[in-house]
C-alpha atoms as a PDB file:
ATOM      1  CA  MET A   1      28.864 -10.954  16.075  1.00  0.00           C
ATOM      2  CA  TYR A   2      28.983  -9.409  12.614  1.00  0.00           C
ATOM      3  CA  GLU A   3      27.851  -5.844  12.019  1.00  0.00           C
ATOM      4  CA  THR A   4      24.148  -5.448  11.286  1.00  0.00           C
ATOM      5  CA  THR A   5      21.536  -2.687  11.078  1.00  0.00           C
ATOM      6  CA  TYR A   6      18.814  -2.807  13.722  1.00  0.00           C
ATOM      7  CA  HIS A   7      15.273  -1.596  12.988  1.00  0.00           C
ATOM      8  CA  ARG A   8      12.248  -1.164  15.262  1.00  0.00           C
ATOM      9  CA  PRO A   9       9.178  -0.704  13.018  1.00  0.00           C
ATOM     10  CA  SER A  10       5.830   0.400  14.418  1.00  0.00           C
ATOM     11  CA  SER A  11       3.627  -1.495  11.975  1.00  0.00           C
ATOM     12  CA  ILE A  12       3.532  -4.740  10.016  1.00  0.00           C
ATOM     13  CA  ASP A  13       3.672  -2.851   6.721  1.00  0.00           C
ATOM     14  CA  ASP A  14       6.794  -0.981   7.845  1.00  0.00           C
ATOM     15  CA  ALA A  15       8.421  -4.271   8.881  1.00  0.00           C
ATOM     16  CA  VAL A  16       7.704  -5.839   5.489  1.00  0.00           C
ATOM     17  CA  ALA A  17       9.086  -2.787   3.670  1.00  0.00           C
ATOM     18  CA  LEU A  18      12.281  -2.861   5.735  1.00  0.00           C
ATOM     19  CA  PHE A  19      12.683  -6.577   5.099  1.00  0.00           C
ATOM     20  CA  LYS A  20      12.505  -6.058   1.352  1.00  0.00           C
ATOM     21  CA  LYS A  21      15.112  -3.278   1.435  1.00  0.00           C
ATOM     22  CA  GLY A  22      17.774  -5.381   3.151  1.00  0.00           C
ATOM     23  CA  SER A  23      20.058  -7.713   1.226  1.00  0.00           C
ATOM     24  CA  ASP A  24      19.730 -10.465   3.867  1.00  0.00           C
ATOM     25  CA  SER A  25      17.113  -9.349   6.394  1.00  0.00           C
ATOM     26  CA  LYS A  26      15.913 -11.308   9.418  1.00  0.00           C
ATOM     27  CA  TYR A  27      12.923 -10.748  11.668  1.00  0.00           C
ATOM     28  CA  LEU A  28      13.539 -10.678  15.422  1.00  0.00           C
ATOM     29  CA  ALA A  29      10.850 -11.784  17.880  1.00  0.00           C
ATOM     30  CA  GLY A  30      12.059 -12.873  21.322  1.00  0.00           C
ATOM     31  CA  GLY A  31      15.601 -13.373  20.056  1.00  0.00           C
ATOM     32  CA  HIS A  32      16.277 -16.768  21.613  1.00  0.00           C
ATOM     33  CA  THR A  33      17.119 -18.367  18.280  1.00  0.00           C
ATOM     34  CA  LEU A  34      18.500 -15.580  16.095  1.00  0.00           C
ATOM     35  CA  LEU A  35      20.747 -13.791  18.598  1.00  0.00           C
ATOM     36  CA  PRO A  36      22.698 -16.887  19.775  1.00  0.00           C
ATOM     37  CA  VAL A  37      23.560 -17.904  16.200  1.00  0.00           C
ATOM     38  CA  MET A  38      24.556 -14.313  15.419  1.00  0.00           C
ATOM     39  CA  LYS A  39      26.842 -14.253  18.459  1.00  0.00           C
ATOM     40  CA  GLN A  40      28.491 -17.439  17.234  1.00  0.00           C
ATOM     41  CA  ARG A  41      28.871 -15.855  13.778  1.00  0.00           C
ATOM     42  CA  LEU A  42      26.718 -18.556  12.220  1.00  0.00           C
ATOM     43  CA  ALA A  43      24.369 -15.912  10.830  1.00  0.00           C
ATOM     44  CA  GLN A  44      25.192 -12.559   9.246  1.00  0.00           C
ATOM     45  CA  PRO A  45      21.958 -10.683   8.518  1.00  0.00           C
ATOM     46  CA  SER A  46      22.312  -7.318   6.870  1.00  0.00           C
ATOM     47  CA  ASP A  47      19.287  -6.031   8.783  1.00  0.00           C
ATOM     48  CA  VAL A  48      17.535  -7.170  11.965  1.00  0.00           C
ATOM     49  CA  ILE A  49      13.887  -6.116  12.130  1.00  0.00           C
ATOM     50  CA  ASP A  50      12.416  -6.197  15.641  1.00  0.00           C
ATOM     51  CA  LEU A  51       8.728  -7.176  15.678  1.00  0.00           C
ATOM     52  CA  ALA A  52       8.278  -7.094  19.447  1.00  0.00           C
ATOM     53  CA  ARG A  53       7.019  -3.500  19.676  1.00  0.00           C
ATOM     54  CA  ILE A  54       4.386  -3.630  16.934  1.00  0.00           C
ATOM     55  CA  PRO A  55       1.025  -3.120  18.711  1.00  0.00           C
ATOM     56  CA  ALA A  56      -0.933  -5.166  16.156  1.00  0.00           C
ATOM     57  CA  LEU A  57       1.177  -8.218  17.039  1.00  0.00           C
ATOM     58  CA  VAL A  58       0.596  -8.197  20.801  1.00  0.00           C
ATOM     59  CA  GLY A  59      -2.398  -9.429  22.786  1.00  0.00           C
ATOM     60  CA  VAL A  60      -4.572 -12.343  23.906  1.00  0.00           C
ATOM     61  CA  SER A  61      -8.323 -12.611  23.364  1.00  0.00           C
ATOM     62  CA  ALA A  62     -10.982 -15.301  23.510  1.00  0.00           C
ATOM     63  CA  THR A  63     -14.413 -16.017  22.074  1.00  0.00           C
ATOM     64  CA  ALA A  64     -16.777 -18.892  22.805  1.00  0.00           C
ATOM     65  CA  ASP A  65     -14.961 -20.972  20.195  1.00  0.00           C
ATOM     66  CA  ALA A  66     -11.318 -19.900  20.079  1.00  0.00           C
ATOM     67  CA  LEU A  67      -8.365 -18.489  21.948  1.00  0.00           C
ATOM     68  CA  VAL A  68      -6.410 -16.038  19.798  1.00  0.00           C
ATOM     69  CA  ILE A  69      -2.822 -15.165  20.682  1.00  0.00           C
ATOM     70  CA  LYS A  70      -0.994 -12.518  18.673  1.00  0.00           C
ATOM     71  CA  ALA A  71       2.447 -13.566  17.461  1.00  0.00           C
ATOM     72  CA  ALA A  72       4.630 -11.141  19.456  1.00  0.00           C
ATOM     73  CA  THR A  73       2.859 -11.847  22.742  1.00  0.00           C
ATOM     74  CA  THR A  74       5.406 -12.939  25.321  1.00  0.00           C
ATOM     75  CA  TYR A  75       5.147 -16.121  27.321  1.00  0.00           C
ATOM     76  CA  TYR A  76       4.775 -14.032  30.467  1.00  0.00           C
ATOM     77  CA  ASP A  77       1.749 -12.236  29.015  1.00  0.00           C
ATOM     78  CA  ILE A  78       0.189 -15.594  28.149  1.00  0.00           C
ATOM     79  CA  LEU A  79       0.861 -16.869  31.661  1.00  0.00           C
ATOM     80  CA  THR A  80      -0.898 -13.898  33.196  1.00  0.00           C
ATOM     81  CA  SER A  81      -3.794 -13.720  30.726  1.00  0.00           C
ATOM     82  CA  ALA A  82      -7.213 -14.289  32.287  1.00  0.00           C
ATOM     83  CA  ASP A  83      -8.598 -15.169  28.843  1.00  0.00           C
ATOM     84  CA  ALA A  84      -5.974 -17.864  28.305  1.00  0.00           C
ATOM     85  CA  LYS A  85      -6.479 -19.331  31.773  1.00  0.00           C
ATOM     86  CA  LYS A  86     -10.221 -19.585  31.246  1.00  0.00           C
ATOM     87  CA  ALA A  87     -10.263 -20.747  27.612  1.00  0.00           C
ATOM     88  CA  ILE A  88      -7.409 -23.292  27.459  1.00  0.00           C
ATOM     89  CA  PRO A  89      -5.631 -23.862  30.807  1.00  0.00           C
ATOM     90  CA  ALA A  90      -3.375 -26.441  29.124  1.00  0.00           C
ATOM     91  CA  ILE A  91      -1.682 -23.671  27.130  1.00  0.00           C
ATOM     92  CA  VAL A  92      -0.991 -21.738  30.315  1.00  0.00           C
ATOM     93  CA  HIS A  93       0.497 -24.864  31.902  1.00  0.00           C
ATOM     94  CA  LEU A  94       2.666 -25.476  28.833  1.00  0.00           C
ATOM     95  CA  THR A  95       3.947 -21.917  29.106  1.00  0.00           C
ATOM     96  CA  SER A  96       4.717 -22.306  32.813  1.00  0.00           C
ATOM     97  CA  VAL A  97       7.112 -25.211  32.172  1.00  0.00           C
ATOM     98  CA  LEU A  98       8.779 -23.538  29.207  1.00  0.00           C
ATOM     99  CA  GLY A  99      12.329 -22.326  29.762  1.00  0.00           C
ATOM    100  CA  ASP A 100      13.075 -20.144  32.791  1.00  0.00           C
ATOM    101  CA  PRO A 101      11.839 -16.719  33.968  1.00  0.00           C
ATOM    102  CA  ALA A 102      14.243 -14.830  31.685  1.00  0.00           C
ATOM    103  CA  VAL A 103      13.054 -16.784  28.658  1.00  0.00           C
ATOM    104  CA  ARG A 104       9.395 -16.369  29.601  1.00  0.00           C
ATOM    105  CA  TYR A 105       9.738 -12.586  29.908  1.00  0.00           C
ATOM    106  CA  ARG A 106      11.234 -12.180  26.417  1.00  0.00           C
ATOM    107  CA  GLY A 107      10.226 -15.205  24.343  1.00  0.00           C
ATOM    108  CA  THR A 108       7.225 -14.992  22.011  1.00  0.00           C
ATOM    109  CA  ILE A 109       4.811 -17.593  20.710  1.00  0.00           C
ATOM    110  CA  GLY A 110       5.342 -16.517  17.098  1.00  0.00           C
ATOM    111  CA  GLY A 111       9.086 -16.874  17.380  1.00  0.00           C
ATOM    112  CA  SER A 112       8.679 -20.340  18.855  1.00  0.00           C
ATOM    113  CA  ILE A 113       6.552 -21.796  16.085  1.00  0.00           C
ATOM    114  CA  ALA A 114       8.290 -19.939  13.228  1.00  0.00           C
ATOM    115  CA  ASN A 115      11.471 -21.950  13.809  1.00  0.00           C
ATOM    116  CA  ASN A 116       9.997 -25.439  14.362  1.00  0.00           C
ATOM    117  CA  ASP A 117      12.808 -26.262  16.752  1.00  0.00           C
ATOM    118  CA  PRO A 118      12.563 -30.026  17.421  1.00  0.00           C
ATOM    119  CA  ALA A 119      12.468 -29.427  21.178  1.00  0.00           C
ATOM    120  CA  ALA A 120      10.161 -26.380  21.273  1.00  0.00           C
ATOM    121  CA  ASP A 121       6.933 -26.709  23.269  1.00  0.00           C
ATOM    122  CA  TYR A 122       4.402 -24.590  21.396  1.00  0.00           C
ATOM    123  CA  PRO A 123       4.407 -26.552  18.118  1.00  0.00           C
ATOM    124  CA  ALA A 124       2.877 -29.487  20.037  1.00  0.00           C
ATOM    125  CA  ALA A 125      -0.008 -27.282  21.199  1.00  0.00           C
ATOM    126  CA  VAL A 126      -0.542 -25.827  17.732  1.00  0.00           C
ATOM    127  CA  VAL A 127      -0.782 -29.281  16.141  1.00  0.00           C
ATOM    128  CA  ALA A 128      -2.759 -31.040  18.888  1.00  0.00           C
ATOM    129  CA  LEU A 129      -5.332 -28.244  19.061  1.00  0.00           C
ATOM    130  CA  ASP A 130      -5.553 -28.022  15.262  1.00  0.00           C
ATOM    131  CA  ALA A 131      -4.775 -24.324  15.415  1.00  0.00           C
ATOM    132  CA  THR A 132      -4.706 -21.916  12.495  1.00  0.00           C
ATOM    133  CA  VAL A 133      -1.572 -19.839  11.960  1.00  0.00           C
ATOM    134  CA  LYS A 134      -2.401 -16.478  10.435  1.00  0.00           C
ATOM    135  CA  THR A 135       0.187 -14.363   8.640  1.00  0.00           C
ATOM    136  CA  ASN A 136       0.220 -11.005   6.885  1.00  0.00           C
ATOM    137  CA  LYS A 137      -0.638 -12.941   3.699  1.00  0.00           C
ATOM    138  CA  ARG A 138      -2.849 -15.946   4.528  1.00  0.00           C
ATOM    139  CA  SER A 139      -4.147 -18.531   7.022  1.00  0.00           C
ATOM    140  CA  ILE A 140      -2.356 -21.886   7.394  1.00  0.00           C
ATOM    141  CA  LYS A 141      -3.741 -24.946   9.174  1.00  0.00           C
ATOM    142  CA  ALA A 142      -1.457 -26.597  11.727  1.00  0.00           C
ATOM    143  CA  ASP A 143      -1.004 -29.813   9.745  1.00  0.00           C
ATOM    144  CA  ASP A 144       0.196 -27.759   6.762  1.00  0.00           C
ATOM    145  CA  PHE A 145       2.401 -25.335   8.681  1.00  0.00           C
ATOM    146  CA  PHE A 146       5.223 -27.514  10.053  1.00  0.00           C
ATOM    147  CA  LYS A 147       7.257 -28.981   7.192  1.00  0.00           C
ATOM    148  CA  GLY A 148      10.243 -30.601   8.904  1.00  0.00           C
ATOM    149  CA  LEU A 149      13.226 -29.853  11.111  1.00  0.00           C
ATOM    150  CA  PHE A 150      13.535 -26.042  11.451  1.00  0.00           C
ATOM    151  CA  THR A 151      11.241 -25.746   8.416  1.00  0.00           C
ATOM    152  CA  THR A 152       7.746 -24.283   8.096  1.00  0.00           C
ATOM    153  CA  ALA A 153       5.389 -23.195   5.331  1.00  0.00           C
ATOM    154  CA  LEU A 154       6.382 -19.534   5.821  1.00  0.00           C
ATOM    155  CA  GLU A 155       7.601 -17.808   2.695  1.00  0.00           C
ATOM    156  CA  ASP A 156      10.558 -15.434   2.671  1.00  0.00           C
ATOM    157  CA  GLY A 157       9.527 -12.220   4.414  1.00  0.00           C
ATOM    158  CA  GLU A 158       6.169 -13.570   5.625  1.00  0.00           C
ATOM    159  CA  ILE A 159       5.194 -12.575   9.177  1.00  0.00           C
ATOM    160  CA  ILE A 160       3.082 -14.617  11.591  1.00  0.00           C
ATOM    161  CA  THR A 161       0.433 -12.273  12.996  1.00  0.00           C
ATOM    162  CA  GLU A 162      -1.606 -14.550  15.293  1.00  0.00           C
ATOM    163  CA  ILE A 163      -2.477 -18.117  16.197  1.00  0.00           C
ATOM    164  CA  SER A 164      -6.115 -19.141  16.651  1.00  0.00           C
ATOM    165  CA  PHE A 165      -6.647 -22.168  18.919  1.00  0.00           C
ATOM    166  CA  PRO A 166     -10.071 -23.863  18.876  1.00  0.00           C
ATOM    167  CA  ILE A 167     -11.240 -24.379  22.459  1.00  0.00           C
ATOM    168  CA  PRO A 168     -11.189 -28.126  23.252  1.00  0.00           C
ATOM    169  CA  ALA A 169     -13.384 -30.175  25.561  1.00  0.00           C
ATOM    170  CA  LYS A 170     -10.243 -31.484  27.279  1.00  0.00           C
ATOM    171  CA  ALA A 171      -6.521 -30.850  26.848  1.00  0.00           C
ATOM    172  CA  ALA A 172      -3.239 -31.157  28.710  1.00  0.00           C
ATOM    173  CA  TYR A 173       0.517 -31.110  28.166  1.00  0.00           C
ATOM    174  CA  ALA A 174       3.221 -33.152  29.885  1.00  0.00           C
ATOM    175  CA  LYS A 175       6.925 -33.134  29.181  1.00  0.00           C
ATOM    176  CA  MET A 176      10.218 -34.532  30.384  1.00  0.00           C
ATOM    177  CA  ARG A 177      12.442 -31.482  30.738  1.00  0.00           C
ATOM    178  CA  HIS A 178      16.177 -31.371  30.221  1.00  0.00           C
ATOM    179  CA  PRO A 179      17.401 -30.299  33.689  1.00  0.00           C
ATOM    180  CA  ALA A 180      19.707 -27.580  32.342  1.00  0.00           C
ATOM    181  CA  SER A 181      18.130 -26.136  29.202  1.00  0.00           C
ATOM    182  CA  ARG A 182      14.476 -26.882  30.155  1.00  0.00           C
ATOM    183  CA  PHE A 183      13.913 -27.947  26.555  1.00  0.00           C
ATOM    184  CA  ALA A 184      11.626 -30.911  26.045  1.00  0.00           C
ATOM    185  CA  LEU A 185      13.462 -34.221  25.883  1.00  0.00           C
ATOM    186  CA  THR A 186       9.961 -35.250  24.906  1.00  0.00           C
ATOM    187  CA  GLY A 187       6.663 -33.448  25.448  1.00  0.00           C
ATOM    188  CA  VAL A 188       3.167 -34.581  24.528  1.00  0.00           C
ATOM    189  CA  PHE A 189       0.041 -32.447  24.126  1.00  0.00           C
ATOM    190  CA  VAL A 190      -3.302 -34.277  24.086  1.00  0.00           C
ATOM    191  CA  ALA A 191      -6.607 -32.720  23.065  1.00  0.00           C
ATOM    192  CA  LYS A 192     -10.176 -33.928  22.787  1.00  0.00           C
ATOM    193  CA  THR A 193     -12.451 -31.726  20.712  1.00  0.00           C
ATOM    194  CA  LYS A 194     -16.016 -30.883  21.574  1.00  0.00           C
ATOM    195  CA  SER A 195     -17.104 -33.228  18.761  1.00  0.00           C
ATOM    196  CA  GLY A 196     -15.144 -36.138  20.244  1.00  0.00           C
ATOM    197  CA  ASP A 197     -12.128 -36.203  17.919  1.00  0.00           C
ATOM    198  CA  VAL A 198      -8.696 -36.710  19.493  1.00  0.00           C
ATOM    199  CA  ARG A 199      -5.379 -35.209  18.439  1.00  0.00           C
ATOM    200  CA  VAL A 200      -2.026 -35.977  20.036  1.00  0.00           C
ATOM    201  CA  ALA A 201       1.248 -34.221  19.174  1.00  0.00           C
ATOM    202  CA  ALA A 202       4.766 -34.873  20.456  1.00  0.00           C
ATOM    203  CA  THR A 203       7.752 -32.557  20.511  1.00  0.00           C
ATOM    204  CA  GLY A 204      11.384 -33.319  21.297  1.00  0.00           C
ATOM    205  CA  ALA A 205      11.082 -36.805  19.833  1.00  0.00           C
ATOM    206  CA  SER A 206      11.003 -36.822  16.025  1.00  0.00           C
ATOM    207  CA  GLN A 207      13.943 -36.025  13.768  1.00  0.00           C
ATOM    208  CA  ASN A 208      11.515 -33.919  11.728  1.00  0.00           C
ATOM    209  CA  GLY A 209      10.272 -31.740  14.562  1.00  0.00           C
ATOM    210  CA  VAL A 210       6.754 -31.860  15.971  1.00  0.00           C
ATOM    211  CA  MET A 211       4.769 -34.983  15.059  1.00  0.00           C
ATOM    212  CA  ARG A 212       1.299 -36.412  15.500  1.00  0.00           C
ATOM    213  CA  VAL A 213       0.922 -39.821  17.185  1.00  0.00           C
ATOM    214  CA  PRO A 214      -1.866 -41.708  15.359  1.00  0.00           C
ATOM    215  CA  ALA A 215      -1.636 -44.869  17.497  1.00  0.00           C
ATOM    216  CA  ILE A 216      -2.326 -42.948  20.681  1.00  0.00           C
ATOM    217  CA  GLU A 217      -5.027 -40.864  18.991  1.00  0.00           C
ATOM    218  CA  ALA A 218      -6.875 -44.031  17.988  1.00  0.00           C
ATOM    219  CA  ALA A 219      -6.589 -45.542  21.463  1.00  0.00           C
ATOM    220  CA  LEU A 220      -7.865 -42.388  23.158  1.00  0.00           C
ATOM    221  CA  LYS A 221     -10.716 -41.900  20.715  1.00  0.00           C
ATOM    222  CA  ALA A 222     -11.957 -45.381  21.650  1.00  0.00           C
ATOM    223  CA  ASN A 223     -11.364 -44.847  25.365  1.00  0.00           C
ATOM    224  CA  TRP A 224     -10.227 -41.536  26.825  1.00  0.00           C
ATOM    225  CA  SER A 225      -8.104 -42.811  29.713  1.00  0.00           C
ATOM    226  CA  ALA A 226      -4.429 -43.196  30.549  1.00  0.00           C
ATOM    227  CA  GLY A 227      -4.945 -46.955  30.718  1.00  0.00           C
ATOM    228  CA  ALA A 228      -6.039 -47.052  27.085  1.00  0.00           C
ATOM    229  CA  ILE A 229      -2.459 -46.240  26.093  1.00  0.00           C
ATOM    230  CA  ASP A 230      -0.974 -49.228  27.977  1.00  0.00           C
ATOM    231  CA  SER A 231      -1.155 -51.523  24.954  1.00  0.00           C
ATOM    232  CA  VAL A 232       0.132 -48.929  22.453  1.00  0.00           C
ATOM    233  CA  THR A 233       3.613 -49.448  21.044  1.00  0.00           C
ATOM    234  CA  ILE A 234       5.484 -46.417  19.717  1.00  0.00           C
ATOM    235  CA  SER A 235       8.064 -47.141  17.030  1.00  0.00           C
ATOM    236  CA  ALA A 236      11.545 -45.697  17.482  1.00  0.00           C
ATOM    237  CA  ASP A 237      11.951 -45.281  13.713  1.00  0.00           C
ATOM    238  CA  GLY A 238      12.613 -41.656  12.827  1.00  0.00           C
ATOM    239  CA  LEU A 239      13.021 -40.544  16.427  1.00  0.00           C
ATOM    240  CA  MET A 240      15.990 -38.561  17.682  1.00  0.00           C
ATOM    241  CA  ALA A 241      18.958 -40.162  19.407  1.00  0.00           C
ATOM    242  CA  ASP A 242      21.619 -38.095  21.167  1.00  0.00           C
ATOM    243  CA  ILE A 243      23.637 -37.936  24.379  1.00  0.00           C
ATOM    244  CA  HIS A 244      20.441 -37.212  26.320  1.00  0.00           C
ATOM    245  CA  GLY A 245      18.497 -40.274  25.212  1.00  0.00           C
ATOM    246  CA  SER A 246      18.214 -42.955  22.559  1.00  0.00           C
ATOM    247  CA  ALA A 247      15.393 -43.240  20.031  1.00  0.00           C
ATOM    248  CA  THR A 248      13.974 -46.138  22.037  1.00  0.00           C
ATOM    249  CA  TYR A 249      14.036 -44.035  25.201  1.00  0.00           C
ATOM    250  CA  ARG A 250      12.167 -41.236  23.455  1.00  0.00           C
ATOM    251  CA  ALA A 251       9.614 -43.678  22.054  1.00  0.00           C
ATOM    252  CA  ASN A 252       8.846 -44.755  25.610  1.00  0.00           C
ATOM    253  CA  LEU A 253       8.696 -41.117  26.737  1.00  0.00           C
ATOM    254  CA  VAL A 254       6.046 -40.378  24.111  1.00  0.00           C
ATOM    255  CA  LYS A 255       3.854 -43.046  25.668  1.00  0.00           C
ATOM    256  CA  VAL A 256       4.545 -42.083  29.280  1.00  0.00           C
ATOM    257  CA  MET A 257       4.076 -38.347  28.698  1.00  0.00           C
ATOM    258  CA  ALA A 258       0.830 -39.023  26.828  1.00  0.00           C
ATOM    259  CA  GLN A 259      -0.479 -41.012  29.779  1.00  0.00           C
ATOM    260  CA  ARG A 260       0.462 -38.223  32.184  1.00  0.00           C
ATOM    261  CA  ALA A 261      -1.186 -35.636  29.962  1.00  0.00           C
ATOM    262  CA  VAL A 262      -4.444 -37.614  29.734  1.00  0.00           C
ATOM    263  CA  ALA A 263      -4.471 -38.050  33.515  1.00  0.00           C
ATOM    264  CA  ALA A 264      -3.966 -34.295  33.922  1.00  0.00           C
ATOM    265  CA  ALA A 265      -6.731 -33.507  31.414  1.00  0.00           C
ATOM    266  CA  GLY A 266      -9.212 -35.643  33.367  1.00  0.00           C
END
């Protein structure tokens, strides 16, 4: 690891000021992306700015219409939140199958979506639930936030402050986990809004990161049942292929995981 200067600001404004002072600053949330690449000397930030202890970035709350999760809230805090369990149980389930206990104690929701890792779980929930990502500068709708592999709409130095999830009528998440890393070989989040619209998002499948699945959305809007997906064909074009599974295998997983998620949603 290269030498760096570590900062622990107490406010968002302090974090932004520290970021601007550094020649190549990086924000640190849970650390599961930044620290490994620093250890491998693939990143050499001049300054590391830890956001985890900023009070304004931690907490879970719910209204009649939305579940709001602050960006530096850990997975463990989401798992144990009574508000999250009541408002959107599917998010709590997603969190329970994410990583392992060590990851869940340190990882944060903001860190997860800021990187748009192709196998991360939370981007699927953000897109399927049509969430709004709020930063220290603006609000960004889910469909505008994720721009491609490891790429988002965040500008240099911009900080995610919270994610607002509209409460759905029904929702669920199902994924095929890699047995060692627990990353999603493919995961699918399905959601039916209170107005009857359907959104389906898959992670771990597309070469561009999280993706919506219009064919399954259309089938479920016509008939919300696992059987409605039987006749849907998912194209393998643009899907990932690696030692863990071919593009064709992942295309089938999108369909199978969607069916499992719909069955779980009821």
